[in-house]
C-alpha atoms as a PDB file:
ATOM      1  CA  MET A   1       0.000  -0.030  -0.004  1.00  0.00           C
ATOM      2  CA  LYS A   2       1.321   3.426  -0.946  1.00  0.00           C
ATOM      3  CA  LYS A   3       2.072   5.656   1.988  1.00  0.00           C
ATOM      4  CA  LYS A   4       1.359   9.388   1.808  1.00  0.00           C
ATOM      5  CA  TYR A   5       3.077  12.261   3.527  1.00  0.00           C
ATOM      6  CA  TYR A   6       1.568  15.709   4.169  1.00  0.00           C
ATOM      7  CA  TYR A   7       3.272  19.074   4.530  1.00  0.00           C
ATOM      8  CA  LEU A   8       2.072  22.635   5.084  1.00  0.00           C
ATOM      9  CA  ILE A   9       4.360  25.122   3.335  1.00  0.00           C
ATOM     10  CA  ARG A  10       4.411  28.870   3.995  1.00  0.00           C
ATOM     11  CA  VAL A  11       5.360  30.964   0.994  1.00  0.00           C
ATOM     12  CA  GLN A  12       5.837  34.626   0.007  1.00  0.00           C
ATOM     13  CA  TYR A  13       5.666  35.965  -3.533  1.00  0.00           C
ATOM     14  CA  LEU A  14       5.625  39.134  -5.572  1.00  0.00           C
ATOM     15  CA  GLY A  15       2.712  38.645  -7.981  1.00  0.00           C
ATOM     16  CA  PHE A  16       3.492  41.445 -10.440  1.00  0.00           C
ATOM     17  CA  ARG A  17       4.706  39.189 -13.283  1.00  0.00           C
ATOM     18  CA  PHE A  18       2.335  36.313 -12.619  1.00  0.00           C
ATOM     19  CA  SER A  19      -1.192  35.666 -13.884  1.00  0.00           C
ATOM     20  CA  GLY A  20      -2.423  34.751 -10.407  1.00  0.00           C
ATOM     21  CA  TRP A  21      -2.087  31.606  -8.294  1.00  0.00           C
ATOM     22  CA  GLN A  22      -3.976  28.959 -10.303  1.00  0.00           C
ATOM     23  CA  LYS A  23      -2.178  26.947 -12.916  1.00  0.00           C
ATOM     24  CA  GLN A  24      -3.309  27.937 -16.408  1.00  0.00           C
ATOM     25  CA  PRO A  25      -2.052  26.640 -19.785  1.00  0.00           C
ATOM     26  CA  GLY A  26       0.049  29.294 -21.542  1.00  0.00           C
ATOM     27  CA  PHE A  27       0.277  31.597 -18.494  1.00  0.00           C
ATOM     28  CA  LYS A  28       2.965  32.116 -15.860  1.00  0.00           C
ATOM     29  CA  THR A  29       1.342  31.454 -12.451  1.00  0.00           C
ATOM     30  CA  ILE A  30       2.539  30.880  -8.876  1.00  0.00           C
ATOM     31  CA  GLU A  31       1.122  27.362  -8.750  1.00  0.00           C
ATOM     32  CA  GLY A  32       2.656  26.558 -12.134  1.00  0.00           C
ATOM     33  CA  MET A  33       6.091  27.772 -11.035  1.00  0.00           C
ATOM     34  CA  LEU A  34       5.940  25.827  -7.725  1.00  0.00           C
ATOM     35  CA  THR A  35       4.894  22.667  -9.630  1.00  0.00           C
ATOM     36  CA  LYS A  36       7.644  23.086 -12.238  1.00  0.00           C
ATOM     37  CA  THR A  37      10.264  23.532  -9.497  1.00  0.00           C
ATOM     38  CA  LEU A  38       9.062  20.549  -7.478  1.00  0.00           C
ATOM     39  CA  LYS A  39       9.185  18.358 -10.566  1.00  0.00           C
ATOM     40  CA  TYR A  40      12.830  19.355 -10.916  1.00  0.00           C
ATOM     41  CA  ILE A  41      13.891  18.850  -7.305  1.00  0.00           C
ATOM     42  CA  LEU A  42      11.698  15.768  -6.641  1.00  0.00           C
ATOM     43  CA  PRO A  43      12.087  13.971 -10.007  1.00  0.00           C
ATOM     44  CA  ASP A  44      11.223  10.481  -8.745  1.00  0.00           C
ATOM     45  CA  ILE A  45       8.510  11.254  -6.161  1.00  0.00           C
ATOM     46  CA  PRO A  46       4.824  11.557  -7.061  1.00  0.00           C
ATOM     47  CA  PHE A  47       3.342  14.711  -5.571  1.00  0.00           C
ATOM     48  CA  LYS A  48       0.488  17.205  -5.789  1.00  0.00           C
ATOM     49  CA  ILE A  49      -0.083  20.619  -4.241  1.00  0.00           C
ATOM     50  CA  LEU A  50      -3.197  22.422  -2.975  1.00  0.00           C
ATOM     51  CA  GLY A  51      -3.351  26.133  -2.230  1.00  0.00           C
ATOM     52  CA  ALA A  52      -5.337  27.836   0.523  1.00  0.00           C
ATOM     53  CA  GLY A  53      -6.980  30.152  -2.031  1.00  0.00           C
ATOM     54  CA  ARG A  54      -6.553  31.746  -5.408  1.00  0.00           C
ATOM     55  CA  THR A  55      -5.003  35.170  -5.768  1.00  0.00           C
ATOM     56  CA  ASP A  56      -5.624  37.226  -8.902  1.00  0.00           C
ATOM     57  CA  ALA A  57      -3.074  38.371 -11.466  1.00  0.00           C
ATOM     58  CA  LYS A  58      -0.434  40.734 -10.034  1.00  0.00           C
ATOM     59  CA  VAL A  59      -1.607  40.119  -6.418  1.00  0.00           C
ATOM     60  CA  SER A  60       1.236  39.435  -3.972  1.00  0.00           C
ATOM     61  CA  ALA A  61       1.569  37.593  -0.625  1.00  0.00           C
ATOM     62  CA  LEU A  62       3.659  38.090   2.465  1.00  0.00           C
ATOM     63  CA  ASP A  63       2.129  35.040   4.185  1.00  0.00           C
ATOM     64  CA  ALA A  64       0.453  32.489   1.895  1.00  0.00           C
ATOM     65  CA  ALA A  65       0.373  28.701   2.193  1.00  0.00           C
ATOM     66  CA  PHE A  66      -0.077  25.472   0.283  1.00  0.00           C
ATOM     67  CA  GLU A  67      -0.176  21.795   1.064  1.00  0.00           C
ATOM     68  CA  LEU A  68       2.319  19.363  -0.466  1.00  0.00           C
ATOM     69  CA  PHE A  69       1.283  15.686  -0.745  1.00  0.00           C
ATOM     70  CA  LEU A  70       4.086  13.188  -1.301  1.00  0.00           C
ATOM     71  CA  THR A  71       3.642   9.486  -2.158  1.00  0.00           C
ATOM     72  CA  ASN A  72       6.004   6.786  -0.877  1.00  0.00           C
ATOM     73  CA  SER A  73       8.927   9.070   0.134  1.00  0.00           C
ATOM     74  CA  PRO A  74       8.920  11.708   2.911  1.00  0.00           C
ATOM     75  CA  LEU A  75      11.199  14.765   3.030  1.00  0.00           C
ATOM     76  CA  GLU A  76      14.399  13.479   4.633  1.00  0.00           C
ATOM     77  CA  ASN A  77      15.492  16.866   6.020  1.00  0.00           C
ATOM     78  CA  ILE A  78      13.063  19.792   5.977  1.00  0.00           C
ATOM     79  CA  ASP A  79      15.676  22.490   6.556  1.00  0.00           C
ATOM     80  CA  ASP A  80      17.792  21.226   3.643  1.00  0.00           C
ATOM     81  CA  PHE A  81      14.707  20.924   1.444  1.00  0.00           C
ATOM     82  CA  ILE A  82      13.788  24.595   2.111  1.00  0.00           C
ATOM     83  CA  ILE A  83      17.272  25.638   0.996  1.00  0.00           C
ATOM     84  CA  LEU A  84      17.005  23.481  -2.110  1.00  0.00           C
ATOM     85  CA  PHE A  85      13.533  24.671  -2.942  1.00  0.00           C
ATOM     86  CA  ASN A  86      14.490  28.349  -2.585  1.00  0.00           C
ATOM     87  CA  LYS A  87      17.661  27.860  -4.630  1.00  0.00           C
ATOM     88  CA  ASN A  88      15.596  26.670  -7.578  1.00  0.00           C
ATOM     89  CA  LEU A  89      12.656  29.024  -7.322  1.00  0.00           C
ATOM     90  CA  PRO A  90      12.788  32.439  -9.078  1.00  0.00           C
ATOM     91  CA  SER A  91      13.699  35.471  -6.981  1.00  0.00           C
ATOM     92  CA  ASP A  92      10.100  36.627  -6.603  1.00  0.00           C
ATOM     93  CA  ILE A  93       8.981  33.470  -4.770  1.00  0.00           C
ATOM     94  CA  ARG A  94      10.341  32.402  -1.347  1.00  0.00           C
ATOM     95  CA  ILE A  95       9.572  29.436   0.856  1.00  0.00           C
ATOM     96  CA  LEU A  96       9.412  30.527   4.524  1.00  0.00           C
ATOM     97  CA  ALA A  97       8.713  27.325   6.462  1.00  0.00           C
ATOM     98  CA  ILE A  98       7.548  23.734   6.133  1.00  0.00           C
ATOM     99  CA  GLU A  99       5.779  21.636   8.767  1.00  0.00           C
ATOM    100  CA  GLU A 100       4.544  18.048   8.489  1.00  0.00           C
ATOM    101  CA  THR A 101       0.810  17.551   8.931  1.00  0.00           C
ATOM    102  CA  THR A 102      -1.570  14.608   8.721  1.00  0.00           C
ATOM    103  CA  ALA A 103      -4.343  13.389   6.437  1.00  0.00           C
ATOM    104  CA  ASP A 104      -6.839  15.089   8.848  1.00  0.00           C
ATOM    105  CA  PHE A 105      -5.630  18.497   7.907  1.00  0.00           C
ATOM    106  CA  ASN A 106      -7.285  20.200   4.883  1.00  0.00           C
ATOM    107  CA  ILE A 107      -5.846  23.576   3.924  1.00  0.00           C
ATOM    108  CA  ILE A 108      -9.123  24.858   2.561  1.00  0.00           C
ATOM    109  CA  GLN A 109     -11.439  23.652   5.314  1.00  0.00           C
ATOM    110  CA  HIS A 110      -9.032  24.558   8.119  1.00  0.00           C
ATOM    111  CA  SER A 111      -8.190  28.108   6.998  1.00  0.00           C
ATOM    112  CA  LYS A 112      -9.557  30.366   9.727  1.00  0.00           C
ATOM    113  CA  LEU A 113      -8.844  34.016   8.947  1.00  0.00           C
ATOM    114  CA  LYS A 114      -7.250  35.862   6.035  1.00  0.00           C
ATOM    115  CA  GLU A 115      -5.955  39.383   6.246  1.00  0.00           C
ATOM    116  CA  TYR A 116      -5.487  41.224   2.972  1.00  0.00           C
ATOM    117  CA  VAL A 117      -3.910  44.660   2.705  1.00  0.00           C
ATOM    118  CA  TYR A 118      -4.314  47.044  -0.208  1.00  0.00           C
ATOM    119  CA  LEU A 119      -1.562  49.656  -0.479  1.00  0.00           C
ATOM    120  CA  PHE A 120      -2.192  52.977  -2.254  1.00  0.00           C
ATOM    121  CA  SER A 121      -1.131  56.611  -2.536  1.00  0.00           C
ATOM    122  CA  PHE A 122      -2.652  59.686  -4.113  1.00  0.00           C
ATOM    123  CA  GLY A 123      -1.525  62.935  -5.590  1.00  0.00           C
ATOM    124  CA  GLU A 124       1.722  63.234  -7.564  1.00  0.00           C
ATOM    125  CA  LYS A 125       2.365  60.194  -9.772  1.00  0.00           C
ATOM    126  CA  ASN A 126       4.594  57.579  -8.122  1.00  0.00           C
ATOM    127  CA  HIS A 127       8.080  56.554  -9.126  1.00  0.00           C
ATOM    128  CA  PRO A 128       7.698  53.745 -11.723  1.00  0.00           C
ATOM    129  CA  PHE A 129       9.393  51.245  -9.373  1.00  0.00           C
ATOM    130  CA  CYS A 130       6.307  51.530  -7.086  1.00  0.00           C
ATOM    131  CA  ALA A 131       4.127  49.826  -9.692  1.00  0.00           C
ATOM    132  CA  PRO A 132       4.293  46.247  -8.225  1.00  0.00           C
ATOM    133  CA  TYR A 133       3.408  47.466  -4.696  1.00  0.00           C
ATOM    134  CA  LEU A 134       1.282  50.596  -4.655  1.00  0.00           C
ATOM    135  CA  THR A 135      -1.731  51.750  -6.637  1.00  0.00           C
ATOM    136  CA  ASN A 136      -1.574  55.501  -7.302  1.00  0.00           C
ATOM    137  CA  ILE A 137      -4.623  57.731  -7.614  1.00  0.00           C
ATOM    138  CA  GLN A 138      -3.592  61.062  -9.054  1.00  0.00           C
ATOM    139  CA  GLU A 139      -6.798  62.848  -8.018  1.00  0.00           C
ATOM    140  CA  ASN A 140      -7.139  64.080  -4.480  1.00  0.00           C
ATOM    141  CA  LEU A 141      -8.682  61.637  -1.960  1.00  0.00           C
ATOM    142  CA  ASP A 142     -10.438  62.485   1.278  1.00  0.00           C
ATOM    143  CA  ILE A 143      -8.820  59.919   3.565  1.00  0.00           C
ATOM    144  CA  ASP A 144     -10.964  60.850   6.580  1.00  0.00           C
ATOM    145  CA  VAL A 145     -14.154  60.061   4.705  1.00  0.00           C
ATOM    146  CA  MET A 146     -12.590  56.860   3.308  1.00  0.00           C
ATOM    147  CA  GLN A 147     -11.733  55.743   6.824  1.00  0.00           C
ATOM    148  CA  GLU A 148     -15.317  56.287   7.916  1.00  0.00           C
ATOM    149  CA  ALA A 149     -16.570  54.424   4.835  1.00  0.00           C
ATOM    150  CA  ALA A 150     -14.208  51.453   5.413  1.00  0.00           C
ATOM    151  CA  SER A 151     -15.841  50.791   8.810  1.00  0.00           C
ATOM    152  CA  CYS A 152     -19.153  50.200   7.001  1.00  0.00           C
ATOM    153  CA  PHE A 153     -17.805  46.884   5.715  1.00  0.00           C
ATOM    154  CA  VAL A 154     -17.459  45.394   9.217  1.00  0.00           C
ATOM    155  CA  GLY A 155     -20.054  42.757  10.006  1.00  0.00           C
ATOM    156  CA  GLU A 156     -22.154  40.424   7.853  1.00  0.00           C
ATOM    157  CA  HIS A 157     -23.303  41.883   4.533  1.00  0.00           C
ATOM    158  CA  ASN A 158     -24.494  40.940   1.064  1.00  0.00           C
ATOM    159  CA  PHE A 159     -21.488  41.411  -1.235  1.00  0.00           C
ATOM    160  CA  SER A 160     -23.239  40.493  -4.495  1.00  0.00           C
ATOM    161  CA  SER A 161     -22.369  44.005  -5.827  1.00  0.00           C
ATOM    162  CA  PHE A 162     -18.720  43.498  -4.992  1.00  0.00           C
ATOM    163  CA  THR A 163     -17.819  40.755  -7.451  1.00  0.00           C
ATOM    164  CA  ALA A 164     -17.405  40.525 -11.209  1.00  0.00           C
ATOM    165  CA  ARG A 165     -19.222  37.820 -13.127  1.00  0.00           C
ATOM    166  CA  LEU A 166     -21.305  36.512 -10.210  1.00  0.00           C
ATOM    167  CA  GLN A 167     -21.505  32.745 -10.439  1.00  0.00           C
ATOM    168  CA  GLU A 168     -24.676  30.778  -9.643  1.00  0.00           C
ATOM    169  CA  ASN A 169     -24.723  29.355  -6.109  1.00  0.00           C
ATOM    170  CA  THR A 170     -21.954  31.699  -4.940  1.00  0.00           C
ATOM    171  CA  LYS A 171     -22.304  32.510  -1.246  1.00  0.00           C
ATOM    172  CA  VAL A 172     -22.616  36.295  -1.357  1.00  0.00           C
ATOM    173  CA  THR A 173     -23.255  36.884   2.312  1.00  0.00           C
ATOM    174  CA  ARG A 174     -19.821  37.262   3.942  1.00  0.00           C
ATOM    175  CA  GLU A 175     -18.615  38.432   7.352  1.00  0.00           C
ATOM    176  CA  ILE A 176     -15.870  40.983   7.614  1.00  0.00           C
ATOM    177  CA  ASN A 177     -14.094  40.868  10.995  1.00  0.00           C
ATOM    178  CA  SER A 178     -12.227  44.139  10.533  1.00  0.00           C
ATOM    179  CA  ALA A 179     -11.798  46.803   7.875  1.00  0.00           C
ATOM    180  CA  TYR A 180      -9.866  50.046   8.263  1.00  0.00           C
ATOM    181  CA  ILE A 181      -7.508  52.445   6.513  1.00  0.00           C
ATOM    182  CA  THR A 182      -4.265  53.571   8.111  1.00  0.00           C
ATOM    183  CA  GLU A 183      -0.945  54.985   6.974  1.00  0.00           C
ATOM    184  CA  ASN A 184       1.260  52.318   5.358  1.00  0.00           C
ATOM    185  CA  THR A 185       3.827  50.927   7.812  1.00  0.00           C
ATOM    186  CA  LEU A 186       3.998  47.534   6.082  1.00  0.00           C
ATOM    187  CA  LEU A 187       6.338  48.120   3.193  1.00  0.00           C
ATOM    188  CA  PHE A 188       9.038  50.798   2.658  1.00  0.00           C
ATOM    189  CA  ALA A 189      11.429  51.769  -0.132  1.00  0.00           C
ATOM    190  CA  ASN A 190      13.441  54.872  -0.888  1.00  0.00           C
ATOM    191  CA  PHE A 191      11.399  55.367  -4.064  1.00  0.00           C
ATOM    192  CA  PHE A 192       8.011  55.218  -2.257  1.00  0.00           C
ATOM    193  CA  PRO A 193       6.137  58.498  -1.853  1.00  0.00           C
ATOM    194  CA  LYS A 194       6.533  60.305   1.498  1.00  0.00           C
ATOM    195  CA  LYS A 195       3.093  59.089   2.572  1.00  0.00           C
ATOM    196  CA  SER A 196       1.076  56.077   1.448  1.00  0.00           C
ATOM    197  CA  TYR A 197      -1.891  54.230   2.884  1.00  0.00           C
ATOM    198  CA  ALA A 198      -3.073  50.687   3.673  1.00  0.00           C
ATOM    199  CA  PHE A 199      -6.593  49.305   3.575  1.00  0.00           C
ATOM    200  CA  HIS A 200      -6.694  46.311   5.919  1.00  0.00           C
ATOM    201  CA  VAL A 201      -9.471  43.696   5.590  1.00  0.00           C
ATOM    202  CA  LYS A 202      -9.818  40.507   7.611  1.00  0.00           C
ATOM    203  CA  GLY A 203     -12.384  37.760   7.178  1.00  0.00           C
ATOM    204  CA  LYS A 204     -12.851  33.975   6.747  1.00  0.00           C
ATOM    205  CA  GLY A 205     -13.373  34.066   2.985  1.00  0.00           C
ATOM    206  CA  PHE A 206     -13.947  36.402   0.083  1.00  0.00           C
ATOM    207  CA  ILE A 207     -15.563  36.125  -3.332  1.00  0.00           C
ATOM    208  CA  ARG A 208     -13.694  36.917  -6.513  1.00  0.00           C
ATOM    209  CA  TYR A 209     -12.561  40.539  -6.817  1.00  0.00           C
ATOM    210  CA  GLN A 210     -14.415  41.408  -3.592  1.00  0.00           C
ATOM    211  CA  ILE A 211     -11.558  43.281  -1.880  1.00  0.00           C
ATOM    212  CA  ARG A 212     -10.461  44.996  -5.056  1.00  0.00           C
ATOM    213  CA  MET A 213     -14.058  46.225  -5.618  1.00  0.00           C
ATOM    214  CA  MET A 214     -14.280  47.269  -1.923  1.00  0.00           C
ATOM    215  CA  MET A 215     -11.138  49.330  -2.531  1.00  0.00           C
ATOM    216  CA  GLY A 216     -12.555  50.662  -5.805  1.00  0.00           C
ATOM    217  CA  ALA A 217     -15.724  51.824  -3.940  1.00  0.00           C
ATOM    218  CA  LEU A 218     -13.573  53.501  -1.322  1.00  0.00           C
ATOM    219  CA  PHE A 219     -11.646  55.356  -4.058  1.00  0.00           C
ATOM    220  CA  GLN A 220     -14.986  56.579  -5.386  1.00  0.00           C
ATOM    221  CA  VAL A 221     -15.964  57.759  -1.878  1.00  0.00           C
ATOM    222  CA  GLY A 222     -12.620  59.491  -1.490  1.00  0.00           C
ATOM    223  CA  LYS A 223     -13.130  61.322  -4.792  1.00  0.00           C
ATOM    224  CA  GLY A 224     -16.651  62.398  -3.811  1.00  0.00           C
ATOM    225  CA  GLU A 225     -18.224  60.228  -6.541  1.00  0.00           C
ATOM    226  CA  PHE A 226     -19.980  57.861  -4.123  1.00  0.00           C
ATOM    227  CA  SER A 227     -21.533  58.667  -0.767  1.00  0.00           C
ATOM    228  CA  ILE A 228     -21.277  56.626   2.459  1.00  0.00           C
ATOM    229  CA  GLU A 229     -25.063  56.204   2.305  1.00  0.00           C
ATOM    230  CA  GLU A 230     -24.792  54.711  -1.200  1.00  0.00           C
ATOM    231  CA  LEU A 231     -21.986  52.437   0.028  1.00  0.00           C
ATOM    232  CA  LYS A 232     -24.156  51.179   2.901  1.00  0.00           C
ATOM    233  CA  ALA A 233     -27.035  50.604   0.428  1.00  0.00           C
ATOM    234  CA  SER A 234     -24.734  48.588  -1.823  1.00  0.00           C
ATOM    235  CA  LEU A 235     -24.228  46.066   0.963  1.00  0.00           C
ATOM    236  CA  THR A 236     -27.863  45.029   1.152  1.00  0.00           C
ATOM    237  CA  SER A 237     -29.716  42.305  -0.769  1.00  0.00           C
ATOM    238  CA  GLU A 238     -32.167  44.886  -2.051  1.00  0.00           C
ATOM    239  CA  ASN A 239     -29.426  46.808  -3.817  1.00  0.00           C
ATOM    240  CA  THR A 240     -29.469  46.683  -7.604  1.00  0.00           C
ATOM    241  CA  THR A 241     -26.490  48.970  -8.303  1.00  0.00           C
ATOM    242  CA  LEU A 242     -23.563  47.142  -9.844  1.00  0.00           C
ATOM    243  CA  LEU A 243     -20.209  48.607  -8.854  1.00  0.00           C
ATOM    244  CA  LYS A 244     -17.895  48.767 -11.845  1.00  0.00           C
ATOM    245  CA  HIS A 245     -14.594  49.927 -10.450  1.00  0.00           C
ATOM    246  CA  VAL A 246     -12.128  47.065  -9.711  1.00  0.00           C
ATOM    247  CA  ALA A 247      -8.939  48.419  -8.133  1.00  0.00           C
ATOM    248  CA  PRO A 248      -5.729  47.076  -9.807  1.00  0.00           C
ATOM    249  CA  GLY A 249      -4.368  43.767  -8.580  1.00  0.00           C
ATOM    250  CA  SER A 250      -0.819  45.125  -7.984  1.00  0.00           C
ATOM    251  CA  GLY A 251      -1.813  47.038  -4.837  1.00  0.00           C
ATOM    252  CA  LEU A 252      -3.231  43.954  -3.091  1.00  0.00           C
ATOM    253  CA  LEU A 253      -1.376  41.441  -0.942  1.00  0.00           C
ATOM    254  CA  LEU A 254      -2.265  38.585   1.327  1.00  0.00           C
ATOM    255  CA  ASN A 255      -0.708  39.706   4.638  1.00  0.00           C
ATOM    256  CA  ASN A 256      -1.629  36.935   7.024  1.00  0.00           C
ATOM    257  CA  LEU A 257      -3.258  33.479   6.960  1.00  0.00           C
ATOM    258  CA  GLU A 258      -4.401  31.748  10.189  1.00  0.00           C
ATOM    259  CA  PHE A 259      -5.457  28.133  10.527  1.00  0.00           C
ATOM    260  CA  ASP A 260      -7.654  26.346  13.059  1.00  0.00           C
END
């Protein structure tokens, strides 16, 4: 009987040159690059991987995770394997840690809370090197009003207006544990603007484009194009307004992933 071995792997990546997490024919993806690398460093061991969720094109992660399933052969030395894995991965993907788990653990069912952060600035156009990390709005934004609007997302709401191409049977009622805007203290670089901001969102699960559309709505509020009352109305099942602004993927990153 074939024996299986289970590992939870923590990973960071800069998503700017990737077409998201999920493996797709003809596109460079995070899952595809991990699979390609594993085939090279584990040439004789059958394996498969399973991610905790799918990030969109250009979205990055400071703390993401995936499961690695091995058949017949375990990892002999985890520390050495991390070094080998990182040596063969491109510079925009890094393995942080590996821990052995059991067949009882399921990375999708056991994921507890995800915190995403959307980084942005406004005013003078950013240095081009900011493009992978910060979205820049050149119009003026009222941050105080945006901070008030962000708090409206907290709690259980109908987010059917905050997704593109709503699929049948999609669970549109989602609970947001926290949502707030603060000055960016997460990432720094000498080419960043003097001041930038971070929209933090924490919850158990999100529908496709939800956070990017939440950020897009907040940009509209900050520009005076969308009122807080309209934002509150968009979070109800009676709402028929379809939000159209999806904030760019390159400002979004998965900041933290907690498991049961």
